PDB file of N, CA and C in Angstrom:
ATOM      1  N   MET A   1     117.600  55.915  54.192  1.00  0.00           N
ATOM      2  CA  MET A   1     116.706  56.981  53.678  1.00  0.00           C
ATOM      3  C   MET A   1     115.835  56.240  52.731  1.00  0.00           C
ATOM      4  N   SER A   2     114.597  56.564  52.591  1.00  0.00           N
ATOM      5  CA  SER A   2     113.719  56.038  51.599  1.00  0.00           C
ATOM      6  C   SER A   2     112.761  57.181  51.148  1.00  0.00           C
ATOM      7  N   TYR A   3     112.090  56.827  50.020  1.00  0.00           N
ATOM      8  CA  TYR A   3     111.021  57.692  49.517  1.00  0.00           C
ATOM      9  C   TYR A   3     109.783  56.963  49.347  1.00  0.00           C
ATOM     10  N   THR A   4     108.594  57.431  49.650  1.00  0.00           N
ATOM     11  CA  THR A   4     107.253  56.927  49.600  1.00  0.00           C
ATOM     12  C   THR A   4     106.569  57.714  48.511  1.00  0.00           C
ATOM     13  N   TYR A   5     105.845  57.035  47.717  1.00  0.00           N
ATOM     14  CA  TYR A   5     104.972  57.850  46.686  1.00  0.00           C
ATOM     15  C   TYR A   5     103.764  57.206  46.509  1.00  0.00           C
ATOM     16  N   SER A   6     102.745  57.992  46.044  1.00  0.00           N
ATOM     17  CA  SER A   6     101.469  57.519  45.734  1.00  0.00           C
ATOM     18  C   SER A   6     100.972  58.237  44.503  1.00  0.00           C
ATOM     19  N   SER A   7     100.444  57.583  43.503  1.00  0.00           N
ATOM     20  CA  SER A   7     100.010  58.121  42.250  1.00  0.00           C
ATOM     21  C   SER A   7      98.553  58.144  42.308  1.00  0.00           C
ATOM     22  N   ASP A   8      97.773  59.204  41.994  1.00  0.00           N
ATOM     23  CA  ASP A   8      96.411  59.267  41.900  1.00  0.00           C
ATOM     24  C   ASP A   8      95.689  58.687  42.974  1.00  0.00           C
ATOM     25  N   GLY A   9      96.221  58.650  44.201  1.00  0.00           N
ATOM     26  CA  GLY A   9      95.452  58.131  45.465  1.00  0.00           C
ATOM     27  C   GLY A   9      95.662  56.657  45.614  1.00  0.00           C
ATOM     28  N   ASP A  10      96.474  55.928  44.756  1.00  0.00           N
ATOM     29  CA  ASP A  10      96.903  54.480  44.818  1.00  0.00           C
ATOM     30  C   ASP A  10      97.495  54.223  46.143  1.00  0.00           C
ATOM     31  N   PRO A  11      97.619  52.961  46.507  1.00  0.00           N
ATOM     32  CA  PRO A  11      98.291  52.549  47.705  1.00  0.00           C
ATOM     33  C   PRO A  11      99.750  53.182  47.578  1.00  0.00           C
ATOM     34  N   GLU A  12     100.458  53.535  48.677  1.00  0.00           N
ATOM     35  CA  GLU A  12     101.915  54.067  48.624  1.00  0.00           C
ATOM     36  C   GLU A  12     102.855  52.912  48.439  1.00  0.00           C
ATOM     37  N   VAL A  13     103.942  53.327  47.732  1.00  0.00           N
ATOM     38  CA  VAL A  13     104.863  52.346  47.438  1.00  0.00           C
ATOM     39  C   VAL A  13     106.165  53.180  48.049  1.00  0.00           C
ATOM     40  N   THR A  14     107.019  52.303  48.692  1.00  0.00           N
ATOM     41  CA  THR A  14     108.241  52.739  49.322  1.00  0.00           C
ATOM     42  C   THR A  14     109.366  52.239  48.510  1.00  0.00           C
ATOM     43  N   VAL A  15     110.414  53.077  48.163  1.00  0.00           N
ATOM     44  CA  VAL A  15     111.587  52.759  47.556  1.00  0.00           C
ATOM     45  C   VAL A  15     112.899  53.101  48.468  1.00  0.00           C
ATOM     46  N   ALA A  16     113.943  52.487  48.295  1.00  0.00           N
ATOM     47  CA  ALA A  16     115.201  52.736  49.210  1.00  0.00           C
ATOM     48  C   ALA A  16     115.812  53.752  48.268  1.00  0.00           C
ATOM     49  N   ALA A  17     116.495  54.759  48.992  1.00  0.00           N
ATOM     50  CA  ALA A  17     117.392  55.782  48.361  1.00  0.00           C
ATOM     51  C   ALA A  17     118.732  55.140  48.141  1.00  0.00           C
ATOM     52  N   ASP A  18     119.428  55.646  47.015  1.00  0.00           N
ATOM     53  CA  ASP A  18     120.814  54.982  46.934  1.00  0.00           C
ATOM     54  C   ASP A  18     121.846  55.856  47.908  1.00  0.00           C
ATOM     55  N   ALA A  19     123.119  55.649  47.492  1.00  0.00           N
ATOM     56  CA  ALA A  19     124.183  56.300  48.430  1.00  0.00           C
ATOM     57  C   ALA A  19     124.112  57.748  48.377  1.00  0.00           C
ATOM     58  N   HIS A  20     123.604  58.255  47.301  1.00  0.00           N
ATOM     59  CA  HIS A  20     123.530  59.714  47.047  1.00  0.00           C
ATOM     60  C   HIS A  20     122.218  60.429  47.281  1.00  0.00           C
ATOM     61  N   HIS A  21     121.299  59.486  47.995  1.00  0.00           N
ATOM     62  CA  HIS A  21     119.986  60.065  48.461  1.00  0.00           C
ATOM     63  C   HIS A  21     119.052  60.141  47.353  1.00  0.00           C
ATOM     64  N   GLY A  22     119.306  59.609  46.268  1.00  0.00           N
ATOM     65  CA  GLY A  22     118.326  59.659  45.030  1.00  0.00           C
ATOM     66  C   GLY A  22     117.675  58.226  44.842  1.00  0.00           C
ATOM     67  N   ALA A  23     116.667  58.261  44.074  1.00  0.00           N
ATOM     68  CA  ALA A  23     115.952  57.099  43.844  1.00  0.00           C
ATOM     69  C   ALA A  23     115.138  57.258  42.355  1.00  0.00           C
ATOM     70  N   ALA A  24     115.007  56.153  41.720  1.00  0.00           N
ATOM     71  CA  ALA A  24     114.267  56.261  40.427  1.00  0.00           C
ATOM     72  C   ALA A  24     113.211  55.090  40.534  1.00  0.00           C
ATOM     73  N   VAL A  25     112.031  55.548  39.829  1.00  0.00           N
ATOM     74  CA  VAL A  25     110.990  54.445  39.572  1.00  0.00           C
ATOM     75  C   VAL A  25     110.517  54.687  38.187  1.00  0.00           C
ATOM     76  N   ASP A  26     110.002  53.548  37.695  1.00  0.00           N
ATOM     77  CA  ASP A  26     109.367  53.695  36.278  1.00  0.00           C
ATOM     78  C   ASP A  26     107.936  53.615  36.500  1.00  0.00           C
ATOM     79  N   TRP A  27     107.197  54.669  36.031  1.00  0.00           N
ATOM     80  CA  TRP A  27     105.680  54.736  36.348  1.00  0.00           C
ATOM     81  C   TRP A  27     105.108  55.260  35.190  1.00  0.00           C
ATOM     82  N   THR A  28     104.087  54.630  34.565  1.00  0.00           N
ATOM     83  CA  THR A  28     103.383  55.280  33.304  1.00  0.00           C
ATOM     84  C   THR A  28     101.828  55.516  33.874  1.00  0.00           C
ATOM     85  N   PRO A  29     101.283  56.685  33.727  1.00  0.00           N
ATOM     86  CA  PRO A  29      99.956  56.945  34.026  1.00  0.00           C
ATOM     87  C   PRO A  29      98.997  55.913  33.158  1.00  0.00           C
ATOM     88  N   PRO A  30      97.895  55.398  33.804  1.00  0.00           N
ATOM     89  CA  PRO A  30      97.220  54.340  33.046  1.00  0.00           C
ATOM     90  C   PRO A  30      96.291  55.015  32.139  1.00  0.00           C
ATOM     91  N   THR A  31      96.018  56.246  32.102  1.00  0.00           N
ATOM     92  CA  THR A  31      95.070  56.962  31.209  1.00  0.00           C
ATOM     93  C   THR A  31      95.703  58.296  30.876  1.00  0.00           C
ATOM     94  N   ASP A  32      95.150  58.916  29.878  1.00  0.00           N
ATOM     95  CA  ASP A  32      95.290  60.369  29.466  1.00  0.00           C
ATOM     96  C   ASP A  32      94.629  61.160  30.580  1.00  0.00           C
ATOM     97  N   GLY A  33      94.851  62.517  30.724  1.00  0.00           N
ATOM     98  CA  GLY A  33      94.278  63.224  31.379  1.00  0.00           C
ATOM     99  C   GLY A  33      94.963  63.875  32.774  1.00  0.00           C
ATOM    100  N   PHE A  34      94.336  64.334  33.689  1.00  0.00           N
ATOM    101  CA  PHE A  34      94.979  64.949  34.949  1.00  0.00           C
ATOM    102  C   PHE A  34      95.500  63.818  35.781  1.00  0.00           C
ATOM    103  N   HIS A  35      96.706  63.913  36.457  1.00  0.00           N
ATOM    104  CA  HIS A  35      97.238  62.913  37.303  1.00  0.00           C
ATOM    105  C   HIS A  35      97.991  63.713  38.380  1.00  0.00           C
ATOM    106  N   TYR A  36      98.173  63.122  39.570  1.00  0.00           N
ATOM    107  CA  TYR A  36      98.897  63.776  40.665  1.00  0.00           C
ATOM    108  C   TYR A  36      99.862  62.637  41.307  1.00  0.00           C
ATOM    109  N   LEU A  37     100.877  63.071  41.894  1.00  0.00           N
ATOM    110  CA  LEU A  37     101.978  62.196  42.414  1.00  0.00           C
ATOM    111  C   LEU A  37     102.267  62.908  43.835  1.00  0.00           C
ATOM    112  N   THR A  38     102.136  62.138  44.857  1.00  0.00           N
ATOM    113  CA  THR A  38     102.542  62.653  46.161  1.00  0.00           C
ATOM    114  C   THR A  38     103.764  61.899  46.666  1.00  0.00           C
ATOM    115  N   VAL A  39     104.882  62.682  47.047  1.00  0.00           N
ATOM    116  CA  VAL A  39     106.150  62.067  47.538  1.00  0.00           C
ATOM    117  C   VAL A  39     106.653  62.503  48.824  1.00  0.00           C
ATOM    118  N   HIS A  40     107.098  61.546  49.495  1.00  0.00           N
ATOM    119  CA  HIS A  40     107.822  62.020  50.999  1.00  0.00           C
ATOM    120  C   HIS A  40     109.018  61.244  51.159  1.00  0.00           C
ATOM    121  N   ALA A  41     109.908  61.841  51.838  1.00  0.00           N
ATOM    122  CA  ALA A  41     111.011  60.955  52.232  1.00  0.00           C
ATOM    123  C   ALA A  41     111.069  60.638  53.721  1.00  0.00           C
ATOM    124  N   THR A  42     111.749  59.668  53.905  1.00  0.00           N
ATOM    125  CA  THR A  42     111.824  59.187  55.440  1.00  0.00           C
ATOM    126  C   THR A  42     113.288  58.927  55.688  1.00  0.00           C
ATOM    127  N   THR A  43     113.628  59.580  56.900  1.00  0.00           N
ATOM    128  CA  THR A  43     115.188  59.539  57.044  1.00  0.00           C
ATOM    129  C   THR A  43     115.534  58.217  57.778  1.00  0.00           C
ATOM    130  N   ARG A  44     116.833  57.875  57.874  1.00  0.00           N
ATOM    131  CA  ARG A  44     117.290  56.624  58.402  1.00  0.00           C
ATOM    132  C   ARG A  44     116.702  56.429  59.824  1.00  0.00           C
ATOM    133  N   SER A  45     116.627  57.644  60.593  1.00  0.00           N
ATOM    134  CA  SER A  45     115.995  57.472  61.882  1.00  0.00           C
ATOM    135  C   SER A  45     114.462  57.380  62.061  1.00  0.00           C
ATOM    136  N   GLY A  46     113.888  57.361  60.824  1.00  0.00           N
ATOM    137  CA  GLY A  46     112.252  57.123  60.765  1.00  0.00           C
ATOM    138  C   GLY A  46     111.490  58.344  60.933  1.00  0.00           C
ATOM    139  N   VAL A  47     112.185  59.610  60.761  1.00  0.00           N
ATOM    140  CA  VAL A  47     111.371  60.740  60.575  1.00  0.00           C
ATOM    141  C   VAL A  47     110.855  60.955  59.208  1.00  0.00           C
ATOM    142  N   ARG A  48     109.508  61.060  59.206  1.00  0.00           N
ATOM    143  CA  ARG A  48     108.868  61.428  57.832  1.00  0.00           C
ATOM    144  C   ARG A  48     108.822  62.787  57.483  1.00  0.00           C
ATOM    145  N   LEU A  49     109.429  63.096  56.388  1.00  0.00           N
ATOM    146  CA  LEU A  49     109.560  64.701  56.031  1.00  0.00           C
ATOM    147  C   LEU A  49     108.299  65.020  55.207  1.00  0.00           C
ATOM    148  N   ALA A  50     108.164  66.238  55.084  1.00  0.00           N
ATOM    149  CA  ALA A  50     106.964  66.893  54.461  1.00  0.00           C
ATOM    150  C   ALA A  50     106.838  66.352  53.037  1.00  0.00           C
ATOM    151  N   PRO A  51     105.587  66.221  52.555  1.00  0.00           N
ATOM    152  CA  PRO A  51     105.143  65.615  51.342  1.00  0.00           C
ATOM    153  C   PRO A  51     105.290  66.799  50.381  1.00  0.00           C
ATOM    154  N   TYR A  52     105.628  66.362  49.040  1.00  0.00           N
ATOM    155  CA  TYR A  52     105.648  67.175  47.852  1.00  0.00           C
ATOM    156  C   TYR A  52     104.585  66.547  47.166  1.00  0.00           C
ATOM    157  N   ASP A  53     103.705  67.503  46.372  1.00  0.00           N
ATOM    158  CA  ASP A  53     102.659  67.079  45.513  1.00  0.00           C
ATOM    159  C   ASP A  53     103.120  67.754  44.038  1.00  0.00           C
ATOM    160  N   TYR A  54     102.838  66.820  43.009  1.00  0.00           N
ATOM    161  CA  TYR A  54     103.072  67.214  41.760  1.00  0.00           C
ATOM    162  C   TYR A  54     101.968  66.904  40.888  1.00  0.00           C
ATOM    163  N   PHE A  55     101.487  67.848  40.072  1.00  0.00           N
ATOM    164  CA  PHE A  55     100.317  67.687  39.228  1.00  0.00           C
ATOM    165  C   PHE A  55     100.577  67.855  37.809  1.00  0.00           C
ATOM    166  N   PHE A  56     100.039  67.088  36.919  1.00  0.00           N
ATOM    167  CA  PHE A  56     100.361  67.132  35.552  1.00  0.00           C
ATOM    168  C   PHE A  56      99.156  66.452  34.714  1.00  0.00           C
ATOM    169  N   THR A  57      99.288  66.882  33.439  1.00  0.00           N
ATOM    170  CA  THR A  57      98.300  66.338  32.451  1.00  0.00           C
ATOM    171  C   THR A  57      98.948  65.518  31.313  1.00  0.00           C
ATOM    172  N   VAL A  58      98.481  64.395  31.221  1.00  0.00           N
ATOM    173  CA  VAL A  58      98.925  63.448  30.109  1.00  0.00           C
ATOM    174  C   VAL A  58      97.989  63.582  28.841  1.00  0.00           C
ATOM    175  N   SER A  59      98.489  63.757  27.612  1.00  0.00           N
ATOM    176  CA  SER A  59      97.684  63.730  26.472  1.00  0.00           C
ATOM    177  C   SER A  59      98.148  62.778  25.542  1.00  0.00           C
TER     178      SER A  59
END
């Protein structure tokens, strides 16, 4: 399993999931203001699951 994310429309980045299906990334928004993050999982068999969108403001 893996997770793919894109922040603010930047190119997608894929990270492998751990044994418990979790993953962690370090990311800091480059500017204050409104940002969004889109994440989707891909199963071991290659099925891409529905994306989740997160919206937040940094001040």
